[in-house]
Protein backbone atom coordinates (compact mmCIF):
# COMPACT_ATOMS: atom_id res chain seq x y z
CA UNK A 1 -0.01 -0.02 -0.01
CA UNK A 2 1.19 3.35 -0.50
CA UNK A 3 1.07 6.38 1.86
CA UNK A 4 -0.83 9.38 1.17
CA UNK A 5 2.40 11.26 0.62
CA UNK A 6 2.72 9.22 -2.62
CA UNK A 7 -0.59 10.42 -3.91
CA UNK A 8 -0.04 11.92 -7.43
CA UNK A 9 -0.53 15.72 -7.75
CA UNK A 10 -3.18 17.42 -10.27
CA UNK A 11 -0.30 17.71 -12.57
CA UNK A 12 -0.53 13.99 -13.67
CA UNK A 13 -2.05 13.65 -16.95
CA UNK A 14 -5.23 12.20 -17.65
CA UNK A 15 -5.20 9.45 -20.53
CA UNK A 16 -8.34 9.33 -22.48
CA UNK A 17 -9.69 7.12 -24.02
CA UNK A 18 -8.59 4.56 -21.28
CA UNK A 19 -9.38 0.80 -20.54
CA UNK A 20 -12.54 -0.70 -21.95
CA UNK A 21 -14.39 -3.36 -19.75
CA UNK A 22 -17.13 -5.95 -20.83
CA UNK A 23 -20.03 -5.51 -18.31
CA UNK A 24 -23.15 -7.60 -18.58
CA UNK A 25 -25.00 -4.87 -20.52
CA UNK A 26 -22.31 -3.71 -22.89
CA UNK A 27 -18.77 -2.35 -23.01
CA UNK A 28 -17.84 0.82 -21.23
CA UNK A 29 -14.54 2.92 -21.78
CA UNK A 30 -13.12 5.05 -18.95
CA UNK A 31 -10.16 6.97 -18.62
CA UNK A 32 -6.77 6.71 -16.74
CA UNK A 33 -5.06 9.11 -14.42
CA UNK A 34 -1.85 8.41 -12.44
CA UNK A 35 -2.39 4.54 -12.33
CA UNK A 36 -6.09 4.61 -11.78
CA UNK A 37 -8.63 3.64 -14.22
CA UNK A 38 -11.81 5.77 -13.87
CA UNK A 39 -15.28 4.82 -14.99
CA UNK A 40 -18.19 7.11 -14.18
CA UNK A 41 -22.06 7.09 -14.77
CA UNK A 42 -22.47 3.52 -15.69
CA UNK A 43 -26.11 2.41 -15.77
CA UNK A 44 -26.99 -0.46 -13.21
CA UNK A 45 -30.57 -0.83 -13.87
CA UNK A 46 -33.17 0.58 -16.30
CA UNK A 47 -35.09 3.86 -16.03
CA UNK A 48 -37.51 3.81 -13.09
CA UNK A 49 -39.96 6.11 -15.20
CA UNK A 50 -43.52 5.71 -16.37
CA UNK A 51 -45.11 2.65 -14.98
CA UNK A 52 -41.99 2.02 -13.00
CA UNK A 53 -42.08 5.16 -11.06
CA UNK A 54 -42.35 4.49 -7.33
CA UNK A 55 -41.93 0.55 -8.19
CA UNK A 56 -38.65 -1.52 -8.84
CA UNK A 57 -36.54 -0.33 -11.41
CA UNK A 58 -36.66 -2.44 -14.73
CA UNK A 59 -33.87 -4.51 -16.05
CA UNK A 60 -31.17 -2.74 -17.80
CA UNK A 61 -31.21 -3.16 -21.53
CA UNK A 62 -28.06 -4.14 -23.29
CA UNK A 63 -26.44 -1.37 -25.66
CA UNK A 64 -24.45 -1.80 -28.63
CA UNK A 65 -21.02 -0.47 -29.28
CA UNK A 66 -18.78 1.17 -26.72
CA UNK A 67 -20.43 3.40 -24.08
CA UNK A 68 -18.13 6.17 -22.81
CA UNK A 69 -17.88 6.26 -19.00
CA UNK A 70 -16.05 9.57 -18.63
CA UNK A 71 -18.40 11.64 -16.50
CA UNK A 72 -20.63 11.39 -13.64
CA UNK A 73 -24.45 10.56 -14.33
CA UNK A 74 -27.64 12.22 -13.70
CA UNK A 75 -28.80 12.56 -10.17
CA UNK A 76 -32.44 12.13 -8.79
CA UNK A 77 -34.26 15.39 -8.89
CA UNK A 78 -34.77 16.76 -5.36
CA UNK A 79 -36.39 20.01 -4.06
CA UNK A 80 -34.02 22.96 -3.90
CA UNK A 81 -34.75 26.30 -2.32
CA UNK A 82 -32.68 29.09 -4.05
CA UNK A 83 -30.51 30.77 -1.84
CA UNK A 84 -27.30 32.78 -1.68
CA UNK A 85 -24.87 30.51 0.35
CA UNK A 86 -21.65 32.20 -0.99
CA UNK A 87 -21.00 33.54 2.66
CA UNK A 88 -21.92 30.16 4.50
CA UNK A 89 -18.85 28.40 6.27
CA UNK A 90 -20.70 24.88 5.99
CA UNK A 91 -20.57 25.25 2.16
CA UNK A 92 -17.09 26.10 2.22
CA UNK A 93 -16.07 23.20 4.74
CA UNK A 94 -17.99 20.76 2.57
CA UNK A 95 -16.87 21.66 -1.17
CA UNK A 96 -19.33 20.64 -3.67
CA UNK A 97 -18.20 18.09 -6.33
CA UNK A 98 -19.36 17.84 -9.89
CA UNK A 99 -22.71 19.14 -11.04
CA UNK A 100 -24.88 16.85 -13.02
CA UNK A 101 -28.48 16.82 -14.68
CA UNK A 102 -31.40 16.08 -12.45
CA UNK A 103 -33.33 13.16 -14.17
CA UNK A 104 -35.45 10.38 -12.92
CA UNK A 105 -33.39 8.03 -15.03
CA UNK A 106 -30.41 8.43 -12.70
CA UNK A 107 -29.33 4.98 -11.44
CA UNK A 108 -25.65 5.22 -12.13
CA UNK A 109 -22.58 3.68 -10.58
CA UNK A 110 -18.98 4.83 -10.66
CA UNK A 111 -15.82 2.76 -10.61
CA UNK A 112 -12.08 3.36 -9.58
CA UNK A 113 -9.63 0.50 -9.99
CA UNK A 114 -5.97 0.21 -10.40
CA UNK A 115 -6.31 -2.66 -12.60
CA UNK A 116 -8.93 -4.46 -14.48
CA UNK A 117 -7.11 -7.55 -14.59
CA UNK A 118 -5.06 -7.91 -11.52
CA UNK A 119 -3.40 -11.16 -10.51
CA UNK A 120 -5.47 -11.23 -7.17
CA UNK A 121 -8.92 -9.86 -7.06
CA UNK A 122 -9.11 -6.96 -4.63
CA UNK A 123 -11.87 -6.08 -2.13
CA UNK A 124 -14.65 -3.86 -3.46
CA UNK A 125 -15.92 -0.85 -1.33
CA UNK A 126 -19.15 0.39 -2.37
CA UNK A 127 -19.98 4.00 -0.99
CA UNK A 128 -23.58 5.21 -0.33
CA UNK A 129 -23.94 8.88 -0.39
CA UNK A 130 -25.33 11.16 2.58
CA UNK A 131 -27.84 14.02 2.82
CA UNK A 132 -30.40 11.84 4.15
CA UNK A 133 -33.16 10.21 2.01
CA UNK A 134 -34.39 13.48 0.54
CA UNK A 135 -31.60 14.39 -1.64
CA UNK A 136 -27.89 14.01 -2.46
CA UNK A 137 -25.61 12.11 -5.10
CA UNK A 138 -22.49 10.05 -5.21
CA UNK A 139 -20.64 13.16 -6.67
CA UNK A 140 -22.02 15.96 -4.28
CA UNK A 141 -18.86 16.11 -2.29
CA UNK A 142 -15.16 16.38 -3.55
CA UNK A 143 -13.89 14.54 -0.33
CA UNK A 144 -15.63 11.13 -1.70
CA UNK A 145 -13.85 11.00 -4.92
CA UNK A 146 -12.67 7.35 -5.01
CA UNK A 147 -9.35 7.72 -6.98
CA UNK A 148 -6.86 8.40 -4.17
CA UNK A 149 -8.30 5.42 -1.90
CA UNK A 150 -8.30 3.01 -4.84
CA UNK A 151 -4.52 4.22 -5.49
CA UNK A 152 -2.97 4.15 -1.99
CA UNK A 153 -5.13 1.04 -0.64
CA UNK A 154 -5.22 -1.34 -3.41
CA UNK A 155 -9.20 -1.55 -3.35
CA UNK A 156 -11.72 -1.47 -5.88
CA UNK A 157 -14.03 1.67 -5.13
CA UNK A 158 -17.53 2.23 -6.22
CA UNK A 159 -20.23 4.81 -5.54
CA UNK A 160 -23.88 4.93 -6.94
CA UNK A 161 -26.71 7.30 -7.35
CA UNK A 162 -30.31 6.02 -6.55
CA UNK A 163 -33.73 7.38 -6.22
CA UNK A 164 -34.16 9.97 -3.10
CA UNK A 165 -37.31 11.86 -1.72
CA UNK A 166 -40.55 10.89 -2.76
CA UNK A 167 -39.35 9.23 -5.91
CA UNK A 168 -37.55 6.67 -3.72
CA UNK A 169 -39.44 6.87 -0.36
CA UNK A 170 -43.19 7.60 -1.02
CA UNK A 171 -44.99 4.98 0.88
CA UNK A 172 -48.20 4.26 -1.28
CA UNK A 173 -49.42 0.92 -0.13
CA UNK A 174 -52.45 2.50 1.56
CA UNK A 175 -53.11 4.90 -1.40
CA UNK A 176 -52.42 2.42 -4.21
CA UNK A 177 -52.90 -1.02 -2.81
CA UNK A 178 -50.51 -4.01 -2.16
CA UNK A 179 -48.70 -3.77 -5.55
CA UNK A 180 -46.87 -0.91 -3.89
CA UNK A 181 -46.31 -2.25 -0.64
CA UNK A 182 -42.48 -1.65 -1.14
CA UNK A 183 -42.91 1.95 -2.93
CA UNK A 184 -41.70 3.44 0.41
CA UNK A 185 -38.38 1.48 -0.01
CA UNK A 186 -37.87 1.80 -3.69
CA UNK A 187 -34.60 3.94 -3.09
CA UNK A 188 -33.23 1.11 -0.97
CA UNK A 189 -34.17 -1.36 -3.56
CA UNK A 190 -32.05 0.54 -6.01
CA UNK A 191 -29.19 0.04 -3.75
CA UNK A 192 -29.95 -3.71 -3.62
CA UNK A 193 -29.88 -3.74 -7.68
CA UNK A 194 -26.69 -1.91 -7.67
CA UNK A 195 -25.32 -4.67 -5.25
CA UNK A 196 -26.44 -7.39 -7.73
CA UNK A 197 -24.70 -5.17 -10.43
CA UNK A 198 -21.39 -5.30 -8.25
CA UNK A 199 -21.86 -9.15 -7.88
CA UNK A 200 -22.15 -9.61 -11.66
CA UNK A 201 -19.42 -7.17 -12.88
CA UNK A 202 -16.82 -6.67 -10.23
CA UNK A 203 -14.40 -9.40 -11.75
CA UNK A 204 -14.59 -7.42 -14.75
CA UNK A 205 -13.17 -4.33 -12.99
CA UNK A 206 -10.50 -6.39 -10.97
CA UNK A 207 -12.88 -6.50 -7.88
CA UNK A 208 -13.73 -9.74 -5.70
CA UNK A 209 -17.52 -10.11 -5.64
CA UNK A 210 -17.21 -12.23 -2.58
CA UNK A 211 -15.59 -9.52 -0.73
CA UNK A 212 -17.71 -6.47 -0.80
CA UNK A 213 -18.00 -3.77 1.72
CA UNK A 214 -20.75 -1.12 2.11
CA UNK A 215 -19.84 2.17 3.63
CA UNK A 216 -21.53 5.56 4.11
CA UNK A 217 -21.74 8.60 6.10
CA UNK A 218 -24.68 10.35 7.55
CA UNK A 219 -27.62 9.45 5.56
CA UNK A 220 -25.21 6.90 3.78
CA UNK A 221 -24.39 5.40 7.18
CA UNK A 222 -28.24 5.39 7.75
CA UNK A 223 -28.81 3.26 4.51
CA UNK A 224 -26.07 0.85 5.57
CA UNK A 225 -28.25 0.38 8.80
CA UNK A 226 -31.28 -0.32 6.81
CA UNK A 227 -29.31 -2.81 4.51
CA UNK A 228 -28.14 -4.87 7.41
CA UNK A 229 -31.89 -5.61 8.11
CA UNK A 230 -32.98 -6.21 4.37
CA UNK A 231 -33.46 -10.08 3.56
CA UNK A 232 -32.82 -9.41 -0.17
CA UNK A 233 -29.48 -7.68 0.42
CA UNK A 234 -28.09 -10.71 2.35
CA UNK A 235 -25.03 -12.20 0.55
CA UNK A 236 -24.72 -9.29 -1.65
CA UNK A 237 -22.21 -7.51 0.82
CA UNK A 238 -19.84 -8.95 3.60
CA UNK A 239 -18.56 -6.38 5.57
CA UNK A 240 -20.48 -2.89 6.54
CA UNK A 241 -19.03 0.67 7.97
CA UNK A 242 -21.56 3.19 9.41
CA UNK A 243 -19.91 6.71 9.76
CA UNK A 244 -22.28 9.33 11.69
CA UNK A 245 -25.47 7.45 10.51
CA UNK A 246 -26.33 4.49 12.82
CA UNK A 247 -30.06 4.69 13.20
CA UNK A 248 -32.26 2.17 15.05
CA UNK A 249 -35.61 2.80 13.47
CA UNK A 250 -37.48 3.98 10.28
CA UNK A 251 -40.94 4.64 9.49
CA UNK A 252 -43.90 2.35 10.25
CA UNK A 253 -46.27 1.95 7.57
CA UNK A 254 -48.70 4.17 9.47
CA UNK A 255 -46.07 7.15 9.80
CA UNK A 256 -44.99 6.74 6.29
CA UNK A 257 -48.61 6.82 5.21
CA UNK A 258 -49.11 10.06 7.00
CA UNK A 259 -46.50 11.88 5.26
CA UNK A 260 -47.61 10.33 1.82
CA UNK A 261 -51.29 11.34 2.34
CA UNK A 262 -50.23 14.92 3.03
CA UNK A 263 -48.22 15.00 -0.23
CA UNK A 264 -50.83 13.48 -2.31
CA UNK A 265 -53.65 15.66 -0.95
CA UNK A 266 -51.66 18.54 -2.44
CA UNK A 267 -51.80 17.03 -5.66
CA UNK A 268 -55.48 16.73 -5.85
CA UNK A 269 -55.39 13.00 -7.05
CA UNK A 270 -57.96 10.22 -6.54
CA UNK A 271 -57.10 7.50 -4.09
CA UNK A 272 -56.13 4.45 -6.17
CA UNK A 273 -55.14 6.23 -9.64
CA UNK A 274 -51.71 5.12 -10.02
CA UNK A 275 -51.65 6.35 -13.55
CA UNK A 276 -52.39 9.79 -12.69
CA UNK A 277 -49.67 9.82 -10.11
CA UNK A 278 -47.20 8.23 -12.48
CA UNK A 279 -47.99 11.09 -14.79
CA UNK A 280 -47.45 14.10 -12.23
CA UNK A 281 -44.65 16.27 -13.47
CA UNK A 282 -41.62 15.82 -11.23
CA UNK A 283 -41.34 19.46 -10.11
CA UNK A 284 -44.87 19.56 -9.09
CA UNK A 285 -44.46 16.29 -7.13
CA UNK A 286 -41.25 17.75 -5.50
CA UNK A 287 -43.28 21.17 -4.58
CA UNK A 288 -46.09 19.26 -3.03
CA UNK A 289 -43.56 17.08 -1.21
CA UNK A 290 -41.97 20.02 0.24
CA UNK A 291 -45.15 21.65 1.20
CA UNK A 292 -46.33 18.50 3.04
CA UNK A 293 -42.86 18.15 4.87
CA UNK A 294 -43.00 21.84 6.17
CA UNK A 295 -46.51 21.39 7.32
CA UNK A 296 -45.92 18.22 9.29
CA UNK A 297 -42.77 19.67 10.77
CA UNK A 298 -44.86 22.64 12.00
CA UNK A 299 -47.29 20.08 13.60
CA UNK A 300 -44.46 18.29 15.30
CA UNK A 301 -42.43 20.94 17.01
CA UNK A 302 -41.77 18.63 20.16
CA UNK A 303 -38.51 16.71 20.09
CA UNK A 304 -39.72 13.40 18.83
CA UNK A 305 -36.56 11.58 19.79
CA UNK A 306 -35.04 8.76 18.15
CA UNK A 307 -37.70 6.10 19.08
CA UNK A 308 -40.22 6.75 16.45
CA UNK A 309 -39.43 8.61 13.20
CA UNK A 310 -40.68 12.18 12.98
CA UNK A 311 -43.47 12.13 10.61
CA UNK A 312 -41.90 14.97 8.33
CA UNK A 313 -38.66 12.72 7.69
CA UNK A 314 -38.12 10.93 4.41
CA UNK A 315 -36.62 7.72 5.23
CA UNK A 316 -37.56 3.97 4.61
CA UNK A 317 -40.41 1.97 5.99
CA UNK A 318 -40.23 -1.22 8.24
CA UNK A 319 -42.99 -3.67 8.43
CA UNK A 320 -43.08 -4.23 4.63
CA UNK A 321 -41.83 -7.16 2.51
CA UNK A 322 -38.63 -5.54 1.79
CA UNK A 323 -37.81 -4.51 5.32
CA UNK A 324 -39.88 -6.78 7.69
CA UNK A 325 -38.41 -5.31 11.12
CA UNK A 326 -36.92 -2.17 12.19
CA UNK A 327 -33.06 -1.75 11.41
CA UNK A 328 -32.02 -2.45 15.11
CA UNK A 329 -34.83 -2.25 17.59
CA UNK A 330 -35.38 -3.87 19.92
CA UNK A 331 -32.44 -6.20 18.62
CA UNK A 332 -29.91 -6.11 15.89
CA UNK A 333 -31.01 -7.84 12.63
CA UNK A 334 -30.26 -11.64 12.88
CA UNK A 335 -30.07 -11.83 8.86
CA UNK A 336 -26.88 -9.98 9.07
CA UNK A 337 -25.46 -11.07 12.49
CA UNK A 338 -22.57 -12.89 10.34
CA UNK A 339 -21.37 -9.35 8.86
CA UNK A 340 -18.39 -7.43 10.49
CA UNK A 341 -19.32 -3.82 11.21
CA UNK A 342 -17.49 -0.66 12.08
CA UNK A 343 -19.76 2.04 13.51
CA UNK A 344 -18.65 5.49 14.81
CA UNK A 345 -19.19 9.19 14.60
CA UNK A 346 -17.41 12.65 14.94
CA UNK A 347 -16.90 14.22 18.26
CA UNK A 348 -18.72 17.63 17.46
CA UNK A 349 -20.89 16.86 14.57
CA UNK A 350 -22.88 20.06 14.01
CA UNK A 351 -20.70 22.56 15.77
CA UNK A 352 -22.67 25.82 16.71
CA UNK A 353 -19.74 27.77 16.27
CA UNK A 354 -19.51 27.24 12.40
CA UNK A 355 -21.24 30.44 10.87
CA UNK A 356 -21.37 31.96 14.38
CA UNK A 357 -17.65 32.94 15.59
CA UNK A 358 -19.63 34.50 18.45
CA UNK A 359 -20.12 31.14 19.87
CA UNK A 360 -16.64 30.98 21.16
CA UNK A 361 -17.35 33.43 23.73
CA UNK A 362 -20.03 31.30 25.61
CA UNK A 363 -19.77 30.73 29.26
CA UNK A 364 -20.99 27.65 31.19
CA UNK A 365 -24.43 29.31 32.02
CA UNK A 366 -25.03 29.79 28.39
CA UNK A 367 -24.52 25.98 27.65
CA UNK A 368 -27.17 25.08 30.31
CA UNK A 369 -29.57 27.60 29.07
CA UNK A 370 -29.43 26.36 25.49
CA UNK A 371 -29.48 22.76 26.38
CA UNK A 372 -32.31 22.69 29.05
CA UNK A 373 -35.07 22.53 26.67
CA UNK A 374 -33.76 19.27 25.28
CA UNK A 375 -32.20 17.62 28.57
CA UNK A 376 -34.54 19.06 31.22
CA UNK A 377 -33.55 17.88 34.65
CA UNK A 378 -30.38 16.02 33.27
CA UNK A 379 -28.62 19.14 32.13
CA UNK A 380 -26.49 19.73 34.83
CA UNK A 381 -25.28 16.06 35.02
CA UNK A 382 -24.89 16.07 31.06
CA UNK A 383 -22.60 19.22 31.32
CA UNK A 384 -20.58 17.79 34.17
CA UNK A 385 -20.08 14.37 32.61
CA UNK A 386 -19.06 16.06 29.27
CA UNK A 387 -16.39 18.19 31.08
CA UNK A 388 -14.95 15.12 32.90
CA UNK A 389 -14.30 13.47 29.40
CA UNK A 390 -11.99 16.63 28.57
CA UNK A 391 -10.98 18.87 31.42
CA UNK A 392 -9.69 21.53 28.86
CA UNK A 393 -13.14 21.45 26.95
CA UNK A 394 -14.55 25.04 26.67
CA UNK A 395 -18.26 25.91 26.97
CA UNK A 396 -18.59 25.84 23.14
CA UNK A 397 -17.07 22.34 22.83
CA UNK A 398 -19.22 20.86 25.41
CA UNK A 399 -22.24 22.55 23.72
CA UNK A 400 -21.28 20.88 20.47
CA UNK A 401 -20.91 17.55 22.01
CA UNK A 402 -24.27 17.67 23.51
CA UNK A 403 -26.07 19.00 20.49
CA UNK A 404 -24.97 16.21 18.54
CA UNK A 405 -25.37 13.74 21.25
CA UNK A 406 -27.89 11.73 19.21
CA UNK A 407 -25.44 10.36 16.50
CA UNK A 408 -23.05 9.13 19.54
CA UNK A 409 -26.37 7.69 21.49
CA UNK A 410 -27.18 5.73 18.35
CA UNK A 411 -23.77 4.46 17.48
CA UNK A 412 -23.37 3.08 20.97
CA UNK A 413 -26.97 1.61 20.88
CA UNK A 414 -26.09 -0.01 17.76
CA UNK A 415 -22.79 -1.47 19.04
CA UNK A 416 -24.57 -2.76 22.35
CA UNK A 417 -27.15 -4.55 20.32
CA UNK A 418 -24.81 -6.19 18.07
CA UNK A 419 -22.59 -7.11 20.92
CA UNK A 420 -25.34 -8.91 22.93
CA UNK A 421 -26.22 -10.91 19.90
CA UNK A 422 -25.23 -14.51 20.50
CA UNK A 423 -22.29 -15.72 17.94
CA UNK A 424 -22.53 -12.50 16.05
CA UNK A 425 -19.47 -11.02 14.05
CA UNK A 426 -17.37 -8.49 15.62
CA UNK A 427 -18.55 -4.74 15.90
CA UNK A 428 -15.97 -2.03 16.05
CA UNK A 429 -16.62 1.44 17.56
CA UNK A 430 -14.64 4.43 16.83
CA UNK A 431 -14.98 8.41 17.46
CA UNK A 432 -13.34 10.83 15.12
CA UNK A 433 -11.93 13.83 17.26
CA UNK A 434 -9.45 15.34 15.15
CA UNK A 435 -10.01 19.20 14.90
CA UNK A 436 -9.58 21.06 11.83
CA UNK A 437 -7.36 24.15 11.76
CA UNK A 438 -9.68 25.89 9.41
CA UNK A 439 -11.67 28.97 10.85
CA UNK A 440 -9.26 28.87 13.79
CA UNK A 441 -10.61 25.38 14.71
CA UNK A 442 -14.25 26.47 15.48
CA UNK A 443 -15.78 23.58 13.46
CA UNK A 444 -13.95 21.01 15.83
CA UNK A 445 -14.39 17.50 14.57
CA UNK A 446 -17.62 18.36 12.54
CA UNK A 447 -20.07 16.21 10.55
CA UNK A 448 -18.29 14.93 7.26
CA UNK A 449 -14.84 15.78 8.66
CA UNK A 450 -13.95 12.19 8.30
CA UNK A 451 -14.68 11.75 4.69
CA UNK A 452 -11.30 13.32 3.50
CA UNK A 453 -9.22 11.03 5.81
CA UNK A 454 -11.31 7.99 4.99
CA UNK A 455 -10.85 8.74 1.11
CA UNK A 456 -7.05 9.85 1.41
CA UNK A 457 -8.22 13.10 0.07
CA UNK A 458 -6.90 15.51 2.66
CA UNK A 459 -4.98 17.62 0.32
CA UNK A 460 -7.56 17.60 -2.25
CA UNK A 461 -9.97 18.89 0.47
CA UNK A 462 -7.63 21.19 2.13
CA UNK A 463 -10.59 23.86 2.70
CA UNK A 464 -11.72 21.19 5.34
CA UNK A 465 -8.57 19.88 6.73
CA UNK A 466 -5.94 22.42 6.21
CA UNK A 467 -3.84 20.19 4.10
CA UNK A 468 -0.18 19.16 4.86
CA UNK A 469 1.58 16.79 6.93
CA UNK A 470 -0.64 16.42 9.98
CA UNK A 471 -3.88 15.76 8.03
CA UNK A 472 -1.99 13.30 5.78
CA UNK A 473 -0.48 11.24 8.42
CA UNK A 474 -4.16 10.50 9.96
CA UNK A 475 -5.53 9.87 6.38
CA UNK A 476 -2.80 7.35 5.96
CA UNK A 477 -3.91 5.40 9.18
CA UNK A 478 -7.72 5.84 8.54
CA UNK A 479 -7.77 5.00 4.98
CA UNK A 480 -5.59 1.92 5.71
CA UNK A 481 -7.80 1.04 8.58
CA UNK A 482 -10.97 1.05 6.29
CA UNK A 483 -9.21 -0.97 3.49
CA UNK A 484 -7.88 -3.69 5.82
CA UNK A 485 -11.40 -4.07 7.30
CA UNK A 486 -12.69 -4.53 3.87
CA UNK A 487 -9.80 -7.21 3.31
CA UNK A 488 -10.01 -9.06 6.35
CA UNK A 489 -13.02 -8.01 8.72
CA UNK A 490 -10.55 -6.49 11.21
CA UNK A 491 -9.47 -2.63 11.03
CA UNK A 492 -5.85 -2.95 11.98
CA UNK A 493 -2.54 -2.10 10.59
CA UNK A 494 0.88 -1.63 11.97
CA UNK A 495 0.86 1.91 12.51
CA UNK A 496 -2.45 1.85 14.52
CA UNK A 497 -2.99 0.65 17.88
CA UNK A 498 -4.51 -2.63 18.12
CA UNK A 499 -8.24 -2.11 17.87
CA UNK A 500 -10.25 -4.62 19.91
CA UNK A 501 -13.98 -5.58 19.11
CA UNK A 502 -16.69 -3.65 21.04
CA UNK A 503 -18.22 -5.38 23.93
CA UNK A 504 -20.73 -4.18 26.58
CA UNK A 505 -18.53 -4.22 29.50
CA UNK A 506 -15.53 -2.48 28.20
CA UNK A 507 -16.91 -0.51 25.28
CA UNK A 508 -13.64 -0.19 23.44
CA UNK A 509 -13.23 2.48 20.79
CA UNK A 510 -10.54 3.94 18.50
CA UNK A 511 -10.12 7.63 19.10
CA UNK A 512 -8.77 9.05 15.75
CA UNK A 513 -6.77 12.03 16.76
CA UNK A 514 -3.24 13.13 17.03
CA UNK A 515 -2.29 10.46 18.14
CA UNK A 516 -4.62 7.65 17.65
CA UNK A 517 -5.44 5.82 20.83
CA UNK A 518 -7.82 3.10 22.18
CA UNK A 519 -10.32 4.10 24.95
CA UNK A 520 -12.75 2.33 27.21
CA UNK A 521 -15.86 3.24 28.48
CA UNK A 522 -14.88 6.77 27.23
CA UNK A 523 -18.12 8.48 27.18
CA UNK A 524 -20.38 6.00 29.14
CA UNK A 525 -20.76 8.28 32.23
CA UNK A 526 -22.22 11.24 29.52
CA UNK A 527 -24.50 8.74 27.71
CA UNK A 528 -25.97 7.31 31.00
CA UNK A 529 -27.39 10.75 31.98
CA UNK A 530 -28.77 11.74 28.55
CA UNK A 531 -32.27 11.35 28.05
CA UNK A 532 -33.63 8.99 25.11
CA UNK A 533 -31.80 7.87 22.18
């Protein structure tokens, strides 16, 4: 494996056309840059339009000749509110990637591979994008470009686009009948179809179809949580990594139907008229979706917690054929108990100091005032427990830890559920605590901060990491740990402390920081005083 110091610079020339590969649907031609073959925008299923809208995507029809795979494919249409974000610090940190057309015919996969015919097949790492279930695409963020991870860690990296929002998660069973029982999981079934494409085509790109790891962050990690409970997905992947996205529950048919009905009421459709719904213009559908979401959010002002899905969230549905049970409640799913898992999150997630430099001047009384509406009688105990974890923590640091507590609570609850499962494969817990120097360090270890490190893109994304040797060293350790887990199911390597599996008595975690270290029961005193999860 190469260290990230060996990553080629942008001066390395692109070679196009590059290699050609025979897929099950036809020949694709990519390009090559600095030792990596890149293929973008390859269809993995047919167009989910017309009679297939809200249903399973049709089979992919073969094409004649050679199809160029030079650029990212279309993205699923989603509602966007026009706004000027040019001064927004979050926008600067996240750094958008490629722009692409928004089309319902959006089921595309991207591949980065060093060799299409290697002497030994390599692990496949399939990335699932974030931004919840309402929007997003594989190319949204520069941090998740797979080229450097493929080059430095000798793995085949893939990513994909799937349906989101109402096109992917509009639950229509109560509106259109049993034929649409799985319409609320259409976007997840897209991912299952993509995994089938990986199974059938990985070898052509030098990947091992019997060694596939699914990994994702935020909404992408949530998708991994759901895949672990989907019977149809089992056997199509063999390891899983959940980054700031462990979730225990999704919609029930009742809560999903509530959101669907509010959407359909705004379209003025007659119950049972599938053809009329399939013919609605996509912009009209998205506008109705947005209005329904905002109305339900207004009616649901009280914090609903993590026990039940807030009615205004777009997410999959449990209790239907494609997802019979909740992802991890009350127990971890037995169908995937054999799959090793990494679960973790960042220390600060959504720091209140981003876009608000004045938050740096907060005092302890301010933290108590801000958290009391959420933590109630546990406010003082939670602040004290958080301060005990780091005696040097400032008020704004503790506020950010408490404000992002649900990410940590869910990660630990997921680990606990897996750890008590008899005979299950190991689960490994981590906490990303590395603070960016950008904006005087105000963002801390923010939501998505781990991405440039996992993908060995810290220099490419220096707007988020500051670039340089310090970030590069952690990127080398973290990307190698992820790749080794993909290879063997154990996330260790010589330059990282030995990473033990999580158990409910020791609750060991890897703290990714300068330096990396193992901690046991690190934040359990805090978690025990926090209400709900």
